[in-house]
Structure formats: C-alpha cells, structure tokens
Amino acid sequence: MTKKISLCLLFCSSLSGYTVAEDIELLATSLSLSPKICITSKDEEICNVEVVLEWRLLQERSICILSDYKELKKWCNSSPGINSLAVNISADKDIQFVMIDKDTHETLAGVKLKVTQASSPQVRRRYRNPWSLF
C-alpha cells in the first residue's frame, strides 16, 4: 500500500511540476476553524460569533489570511511562530477563509464558516379526527 502511495506521489508530482517535498508539505499544511457552523435564531438573521482560525505548517513561514468577509482585510502574521487568529464575525451568509504564503502568494489551505438559520419547530399533526367516536 505504501509503495503505491509513494509511486503515485512520485508520478503525480512529476506530471504536475511539483516536487515530492512540495507535495508532502501541501498535505501537512492545514487550516482549521472553530466553530465551523453558526446557527442564527429565527428572529435574527445575523450571526454574531468569535471564530478562531488555527493553522499548521510543515515549516515555519509567514502567511496571510484572506477572506470574502468585508470587515476582515488581508491579515498577515508578523512572525512565523504565530499560528492562530481570533476574529469577531457578524454575518448573514457563509464566509470563506484562505491561507496563502506571504512571499509567493501560493494558496496553502482554505476553510468555510457556514451560517444557517434555525428552522422553525415542526407542529405535530394528529392523524385522527377530533370527532371520532372510537
């Protein structure tokens, strides 16, 4: 099994133009979001929550976080040792976060905050008629 994976890494990387080391680094790079889902109340359509972005890199380097959330401008870490960011969000639609390399502008990872509205409780229906004699 491991021979097939390593062979695929070698073969696939030669086709895509990346080296095996770059492929392994991309697999080890991760961006996580907590919480991943924000549920709004039925009365309010806007989600107000603090989200924490955390990332893990194979090697320390400077990164930037981009988002389609208009309140969050391009954020870049001041030192490669920083690996988390807390953001207060007030939104009514899904928000996409993307982590890029600060120097090369290469996309490293991405994550999405899902904003959903709470559904109204279902009313239970009686199956028999109220005037039934039985």
N, C-alpha and C. Protein backbone atom coordinates (compact mmCIF):
# COMPACT_ATOMS: atom_id res chain seq x y z
N MET A 1 0.83 -1.20 0.00
CA MET A 1 0.00 0.00 0.00
C MET A 1 0.87 1.25 0.00
N THR A 2 1.92 1.29 0.84
CA THR A 2 2.77 2.47 0.90
C THR A 2 3.58 2.63 -0.38
N LYS A 3 3.90 1.53 -1.05
CA LYS A 3 4.63 1.62 -2.31
C LYS A 3 3.76 2.29 -3.37
N LYS A 4 2.47 1.96 -3.37
CA LYS A 4 1.56 2.57 -4.34
C LYS A 4 1.44 4.06 -4.09
N ILE A 5 1.35 4.45 -2.82
CA ILE A 5 1.22 5.87 -2.49
C ILE A 5 2.47 6.62 -2.86
N SER A 6 3.64 6.09 -2.51
CA SER A 6 4.88 6.78 -2.84
C SER A 6 5.09 6.83 -4.35
N LEU A 7 4.72 5.76 -5.06
CA LEU A 7 4.83 5.75 -6.51
C LEU A 7 3.90 6.80 -7.11
N CYS A 8 2.69 6.89 -6.58
CA CYS A 8 1.75 7.89 -7.06
C CYS A 8 2.27 9.29 -6.78
N LEU A 9 2.84 9.51 -5.59
CA LEU A 9 3.40 10.82 -5.27
C LEU A 9 4.51 11.18 -6.26
N LEU A 10 5.37 10.23 -6.56
CA LEU A 10 6.45 10.50 -7.50
C LEU A 10 5.90 10.75 -8.90
N PHE A 11 4.99 9.90 -9.35
CA PHE A 11 4.44 10.03 -10.68
C PHE A 11 3.56 11.27 -10.82
N CYS A 12 2.68 11.47 -9.85
CA CYS A 12 1.77 12.61 -9.91
C CYS A 12 2.52 13.93 -9.80
N SER A 13 3.57 13.95 -8.97
CA SER A 13 4.32 15.19 -8.81
C SER A 13 5.12 15.52 -10.05
N SER A 14 5.59 14.49 -10.77
CA SER A 14 6.32 14.77 -12.00
C SER A 14 5.39 15.31 -13.07
N LEU A 15 4.12 14.90 -13.04
CA LEU A 15 3.14 15.41 -14.01
C LEU A 15 2.73 16.84 -13.70
N SER A 16 2.56 17.15 -12.43
CA SER A 16 2.06 18.47 -12.06
C SER A 16 3.16 19.52 -11.97
N GLY A 17 4.43 19.14 -12.01
CA GLY A 17 5.51 20.10 -11.94
C GLY A 17 6.00 20.37 -10.53
N TYR A 18 5.36 19.79 -9.52
CA TYR A 18 5.80 19.95 -8.15
C TYR A 18 6.79 18.85 -7.80
N THR A 19 7.61 19.13 -6.81
CA THR A 19 8.49 18.09 -6.31
C THR A 19 7.77 17.31 -5.23
N VAL A 20 8.32 16.18 -4.85
CA VAL A 20 7.71 15.36 -3.81
C VAL A 20 7.69 16.12 -2.49
N ALA A 21 8.74 16.87 -2.20
CA ALA A 21 8.78 17.65 -0.95
C ALA A 21 7.66 18.68 -0.92
N GLU A 22 7.35 19.31 -2.04
CA GLU A 22 6.25 20.28 -2.07
C GLU A 22 4.91 19.59 -1.88
N ASP A 23 4.74 18.39 -2.46
CA ASP A 23 3.50 17.64 -2.28
C ASP A 23 3.30 17.25 -0.83
N ILE A 24 4.36 16.79 -0.18
CA ILE A 24 4.27 16.40 1.22
C ILE A 24 3.96 17.61 2.09
N GLU A 25 4.56 18.75 1.78
CA GLU A 25 4.30 19.96 2.57
C GLU A 25 2.85 20.41 2.41
N LEU A 26 2.31 20.32 1.20
CA LEU A 26 0.91 20.70 0.99
C LEU A 26 -0.03 19.77 1.74
N LEU A 27 0.32 18.48 1.85
CA LEU A 27 -0.52 17.54 2.60
C LEU A 27 -0.45 17.81 4.10
N ALA A 28 0.71 18.30 4.59
CA ALA A 28 0.88 18.55 6.02
C ALA A 28 0.34 19.92 6.43
N THR A 29 0.04 20.79 5.48
CA THR A 29 -0.48 22.12 5.77
C THR A 29 -1.97 22.02 6.03
N SER A 30 -2.42 22.65 7.12
CA SER A 30 -3.86 22.62 7.41
C SER A 30 -4.31 23.93 8.01
N LEU A 31 -5.56 24.27 7.76
CA LEU A 31 -6.20 25.44 8.33
C LEU A 31 -7.51 24.96 8.94
N SER A 32 -7.72 25.26 10.21
CA SER A 32 -8.95 24.84 10.87
C SER A 32 -9.69 26.05 11.44
N LEU A 33 -10.98 25.88 11.61
CA LEU A 33 -11.86 26.94 12.07
C LEU A 33 -12.72 26.41 13.20
N SER A 34 -12.87 27.21 14.24
CA SER A 34 -13.70 26.80 15.37
C SER A 34 -14.54 28.00 15.81
N PRO A 35 -15.82 27.94 15.83
CA PRO A 35 -16.71 26.89 15.34
C PRO A 35 -16.81 26.94 13.82
N LYS A 36 -17.26 25.84 13.23
CA LYS A 36 -17.39 25.75 11.78
C LYS A 36 -18.77 26.17 11.29
N ILE A 37 -19.75 26.12 12.20
CA ILE A 37 -21.12 26.46 11.84
C ILE A 37 -21.66 27.48 12.84
N CYS A 38 -22.39 28.45 12.34
CA CYS A 38 -23.07 29.42 13.20
C CYS A 38 -24.55 29.36 12.88
N ILE A 39 -25.35 29.08 13.87
CA ILE A 39 -26.80 28.97 13.69
C ILE A 39 -27.45 30.21 14.27
N THR A 40 -28.20 30.92 13.43
CA THR A 40 -28.86 32.13 13.88
C THR A 40 -30.23 31.78 14.46
N SER A 41 -30.76 32.66 15.27
CA SER A 41 -32.10 32.42 15.80
C SER A 41 -33.13 32.73 14.72
N LYS A 42 -34.35 32.33 14.95
CA LYS A 42 -35.40 32.55 13.96
C LYS A 42 -35.68 34.04 13.80
N ASP A 43 -35.56 34.80 14.88
CA ASP A 43 -35.84 36.24 14.83
C ASP A 43 -34.69 37.02 14.19
N GLU A 44 -33.46 36.60 14.48
CA GLU A 44 -32.29 37.29 13.94
C GLU A 44 -31.72 36.52 12.76
N GLU A 45 -31.36 37.24 11.73
CA GLU A 45 -30.76 36.59 10.57
C GLU A 45 -29.25 36.73 10.57
N ILE A 46 -28.70 37.53 11.49
CA ILE A 46 -27.27 37.79 11.52
C ILE A 46 -26.61 36.93 12.59
N CYS A 47 -25.50 36.35 12.21
CA CYS A 47 -24.72 35.52 13.11
C CYS A 47 -23.63 36.38 13.75
N ASN A 48 -23.59 36.42 15.07
CA ASN A 48 -22.56 37.14 15.80
C ASN A 48 -21.77 36.12 16.60
N VAL A 49 -20.51 35.89 16.22
CA VAL A 49 -19.70 34.87 16.87
C VAL A 49 -18.22 35.22 16.72
N GLU A 50 -17.43 34.75 17.67
CA GLU A 50 -15.98 34.87 17.55
C GLU A 50 -15.44 33.54 17.03
N VAL A 51 -14.77 33.57 15.91
CA VAL A 51 -14.18 32.36 15.34
C VAL A 51 -12.67 32.41 15.53
N VAL A 52 -12.09 31.22 15.68
CA VAL A 52 -10.65 31.10 15.84
C VAL A 52 -10.11 30.28 14.67
N LEU A 53 -9.20 30.88 13.93
CA LEU A 53 -8.52 30.19 12.84
C LEU A 53 -7.18 29.70 13.37
N GLU A 54 -6.89 28.44 13.16
CA GLU A 54 -5.60 27.86 13.56
C GLU A 54 -5.01 27.15 12.37
N TRP A 55 -3.71 27.26 12.20
CA TRP A 55 -3.06 26.61 11.08
C TRP A 55 -1.82 25.86 11.53
N ARG A 56 -1.50 24.85 10.73
CA ARG A 56 -0.31 24.04 10.99
C ARG A 56 0.48 23.95 9.68
N LEU A 57 1.77 24.22 9.77
CA LEU A 57 2.65 24.18 8.61
C LEU A 57 3.79 23.22 8.88
N LEU A 58 4.29 22.60 7.84
CA LEU A 58 5.43 21.70 7.98
C LEU A 58 6.69 22.48 8.35
N GLN A 59 6.85 23.64 7.76
CA GLN A 59 7.98 24.51 8.10
C GLN A 59 7.43 25.89 8.43
N GLU A 60 8.08 26.58 9.35
CA GLU A 60 7.61 27.90 9.75
C GLU A 60 7.85 28.89 8.62
N ARG A 61 6.81 29.63 8.29
CA ARG A 61 6.92 30.69 7.31
C ARG A 61 5.81 31.69 7.54
N SER A 62 5.97 32.86 6.95
CA SER A 62 4.96 33.90 7.11
C SER A 62 3.79 33.61 6.17
N ILE A 63 2.59 33.77 6.70
CA ILE A 63 1.39 33.52 5.91
C ILE A 63 0.45 34.72 6.02
N CYS A 64 -0.53 34.75 5.12
CA CYS A 64 -1.59 35.75 5.17
C CYS A 64 -2.93 35.04 5.10
N ILE A 65 -3.92 35.63 5.73
CA ILE A 65 -5.29 35.12 5.70
C ILE A 65 -6.14 36.10 4.90
N LEU A 66 -6.80 35.58 3.88
CA LEU A 66 -7.71 36.37 3.07
C LEU A 66 -9.13 35.85 3.30
N SER A 67 -10.11 36.73 3.11
CA SER A 67 -11.49 36.32 3.32
C SER A 67 -12.42 37.15 2.46
N ASP A 68 -13.59 36.57 2.17
CA ASP A 68 -14.62 37.34 1.48
C ASP A 68 -15.49 38.12 2.47
N TYR A 69 -15.13 38.06 3.76
CA TYR A 69 -15.81 38.85 4.78
C TYR A 69 -15.24 40.27 4.70
N LYS A 70 -16.10 41.25 4.38
CA LYS A 70 -15.61 42.60 4.08
C LYS A 70 -14.96 43.30 5.27
N GLU A 71 -15.30 42.90 6.49
CA GLU A 71 -14.71 43.54 7.67
C GLU A 71 -13.27 43.07 7.94
N LEU A 72 -12.90 41.92 7.41
CA LEU A 72 -11.56 41.38 7.62
C LEU A 72 -10.72 41.67 6.39
N LYS A 73 -9.82 42.62 6.53
CA LYS A 73 -8.90 42.91 5.45
C LYS A 73 -7.83 41.83 5.43
N LYS A 74 -6.93 41.88 4.49
CA LYS A 74 -5.83 40.91 4.40
C LYS A 74 -5.02 40.98 5.70
N TRP A 75 -4.93 39.85 6.40
CA TRP A 75 -4.18 39.77 7.66
C TRP A 75 -2.94 38.92 7.43
N CYS A 76 -1.78 39.42 7.82
CA CYS A 76 -0.53 38.67 7.71
C CYS A 76 0.10 38.57 9.09
N ASN A 77 0.68 37.40 9.39
CA ASN A 77 1.32 37.26 10.70
C ASN A 77 2.66 37.98 10.70
N SER A 78 2.98 38.56 11.86
CA SER A 78 4.22 39.34 11.98
C SER A 78 5.44 38.46 12.17
N SER A 79 5.24 37.26 12.69
CA SER A 79 6.35 36.32 12.83
C SER A 79 5.85 34.92 12.50
N PRO A 80 6.71 34.06 11.96
CA PRO A 80 6.28 32.72 11.59
C PRO A 80 5.83 31.85 12.77
N GLY A 81 6.13 32.25 14.00
CA GLY A 81 5.74 31.48 15.17
C GLY A 81 4.26 31.61 15.52
N ILE A 82 3.58 32.61 15.00
CA ILE A 82 2.15 32.81 15.27
C ILE A 82 1.36 31.81 14.44
N ASN A 83 0.44 31.07 15.09
CA ASN A 83 -0.32 30.05 14.36
C ASN A 83 -1.83 30.08 14.64
N SER A 84 -2.35 31.24 15.08
CA SER A 84 -3.80 31.34 15.27
C SER A 84 -4.24 32.79 15.15
N LEU A 85 -5.52 32.96 14.88
CA LEU A 85 -6.12 34.28 14.73
C LEU A 85 -7.56 34.21 15.19
N ALA A 86 -7.97 35.15 16.04
CA ALA A 86 -9.36 35.23 16.51
C ALA A 86 -10.03 36.42 15.83
N VAL A 87 -11.22 36.19 15.29
CA VAL A 87 -11.95 37.22 14.55
C VAL A 87 -13.39 37.24 15.02
N ASN A 88 -13.91 38.44 15.30
CA ASN A 88 -15.33 38.60 15.62
C ASN A 88 -16.10 38.75 14.31
N ILE A 89 -17.09 37.90 14.13
CA ILE A 89 -17.85 37.85 12.88
C ILE A 89 -19.29 38.29 13.14
N SER A 90 -19.81 39.08 12.23
CA SER A 90 -21.22 39.45 12.22
C SER A 90 -21.67 39.35 10.77
N ALA A 91 -22.28 38.22 10.41
CA ALA A 91 -22.60 37.96 9.01
C ALA A 91 -23.92 37.22 8.87
N ASP A 92 -24.48 37.30 7.65
CA ASP A 92 -25.72 36.60 7.35
C ASP A 92 -25.54 35.55 6.26
N LYS A 93 -24.32 35.37 5.77
CA LYS A 93 -24.04 34.37 4.74
C LYS A 93 -22.70 33.69 5.03
N ASP A 94 -22.44 32.60 4.33
CA ASP A 94 -21.21 31.83 4.52
C ASP A 94 -19.99 32.69 4.24
N ILE A 95 -18.89 32.39 4.97
CA ILE A 95 -17.65 33.13 4.81
C ILE A 95 -16.53 32.15 4.51
N GLN A 96 -15.74 32.46 3.49
CA GLN A 96 -14.62 31.62 3.07
C GLN A 96 -13.32 32.27 3.56
N PHE A 97 -12.43 31.47 4.18
CA PHE A 97 -11.11 31.93 4.59
C PHE A 97 -10.06 31.15 3.81
N VAL A 98 -9.03 31.84 3.33
CA VAL A 98 -7.96 31.22 2.56
C VAL A 98 -6.63 31.63 3.15
N MET A 99 -5.74 30.65 3.31
CA MET A 99 -4.39 30.91 3.82
C MET A 99 -3.42 30.86 2.64
N ILE A 100 -2.63 31.93 2.49
CA ILE A 100 -1.65 31.98 1.41
C ILE A 100 -0.26 32.23 1.97
N ASP A 101 0.77 31.87 1.21
CA ASP A 101 2.14 32.17 1.57
C ASP A 101 2.37 33.66 1.35
N LYS A 102 2.96 34.34 2.34
CA LYS A 102 3.14 35.79 2.27
C LYS A 102 4.10 36.19 1.15
N ASP A 103 5.11 35.38 0.90
CA ASP A 103 6.12 35.74 -0.09
C ASP A 103 5.74 35.33 -1.51
N THR A 104 5.25 34.11 -1.67
CA THR A 104 4.96 33.59 -3.00
C THR A 104 3.50 33.76 -3.42
N HIS A 105 2.62 34.10 -2.49
CA HIS A 105 1.18 34.25 -2.72
C HIS A 105 0.54 32.94 -3.18
N GLU A 106 1.15 31.82 -2.83
CA GLU A 106 0.63 30.50 -3.16
C GLU A 106 -0.47 30.14 -2.16
N THR A 107 -1.60 29.64 -2.65
CA THR A 107 -2.69 29.21 -1.78
C THR A 107 -2.28 27.92 -1.07
N LEU A 108 -2.36 27.92 0.27
CA LEU A 108 -1.95 26.77 1.07
C LEU A 108 -3.13 25.96 1.57
N ALA A 109 -4.20 26.63 2.01
CA ALA A 109 -5.35 25.91 2.56
C ALA A 109 -6.54 26.87 2.61
N GLY A 110 -7.72 26.30 2.81
CA GLY A 110 -8.93 27.09 2.91
C GLY A 110 -9.94 26.41 3.80
N VAL A 111 -10.86 27.21 4.34
CA VAL A 111 -11.91 26.69 5.22
C VAL A 111 -13.11 27.63 5.12
N LYS A 112 -14.31 27.10 5.41
CA LYS A 112 -15.53 27.89 5.29
C LYS A 112 -16.32 27.88 6.59
N LEU A 113 -16.82 29.07 6.97
CA LEU A 113 -17.76 29.20 8.09
C LEU A 113 -19.16 29.16 7.49
N LYS A 114 -19.96 28.19 7.92
CA LYS A 114 -21.32 28.02 7.41
C LYS A 114 -22.29 28.75 8.33
N VAL A 115 -23.09 29.63 7.76
CA VAL A 115 -24.10 30.38 8.51
C VAL A 115 -25.47 29.86 8.09
N THR A 116 -26.21 29.32 9.05
CA THR A 116 -27.54 28.80 8.76
C THR A 116 -28.55 29.37 9.75
N GLN A 117 -29.78 29.48 9.29
CA GLN A 117 -30.85 29.96 10.14
C GLN A 117 -31.55 28.79 10.80
N ALA A 118 -31.90 28.95 12.05
CA ALA A 118 -32.59 27.89 12.78
C ALA A 118 -33.95 27.66 12.15
N SER A 119 -34.29 26.40 11.99
CA SER A 119 -35.59 26.09 11.40
C SER A 119 -36.67 26.19 12.47
N SER A 120 -37.87 26.48 12.02
CA SER A 120 -38.99 26.57 12.96
C SER A 120 -39.37 25.17 13.41
N PRO A 121 -39.80 25.03 14.65
CA PRO A 121 -40.18 23.70 15.13
C PRO A 121 -41.39 23.17 14.37
N GLN A 122 -41.36 21.89 14.08
CA GLN A 122 -42.46 21.29 13.35
C GLN A 122 -43.64 21.05 14.29
N VAL A 123 -44.81 21.34 13.77
CA VAL A 123 -46.03 21.14 14.55
C VAL A 123 -46.49 19.72 14.29
N ARG A 124 -46.74 19.02 15.36
CA ARG A 124 -47.20 17.65 15.24
C ARG A 124 -48.66 17.61 14.86
N ARG A 125 -48.95 16.83 13.85
CA ARG A 125 -50.32 16.74 13.36
C ARG A 125 -50.97 15.47 13.90
N ARG A 126 -52.19 15.61 14.31
CA ARG A 126 -52.95 14.44 14.76
C ARG A 126 -53.49 13.74 13.54
N TYR A 127 -53.38 12.44 13.51
CA TYR A 127 -53.82 11.67 12.35
C TYR A 127 -55.31 11.31 12.40
N ARG A 128 -55.92 11.34 13.57
CA ARG A 128 -57.35 11.02 13.62
C ARG A 128 -58.16 12.30 13.79
N ASN A 129 -59.34 12.22 13.41
CA ASN A 129 -60.23 13.39 13.51
C ASN A 129 -60.66 13.58 14.97
N PRO A 130 -60.82 14.80 15.40
CA PRO A 130 -61.19 15.03 16.80
C PRO A 130 -62.62 14.58 17.12
N TRP A 131 -63.45 14.38 16.13
CA TRP A 131 -64.83 13.98 16.38
C TRP A 131 -65.02 12.46 16.30
N SER A 132 -63.95 11.69 16.21
CA SER A 132 -64.06 10.24 16.09
C SER A 132 -64.71 9.66 17.35
N LEU A 133 -65.58 8.69 17.16
CA LEU A 133 -66.27 8.07 18.27
C LEU A 133 -65.47 6.92 18.89
N PHE A 134 -64.44 6.46 18.23
CA PHE A 134 -63.68 5.32 18.73
C PHE A 134 -62.40 5.70 19.38
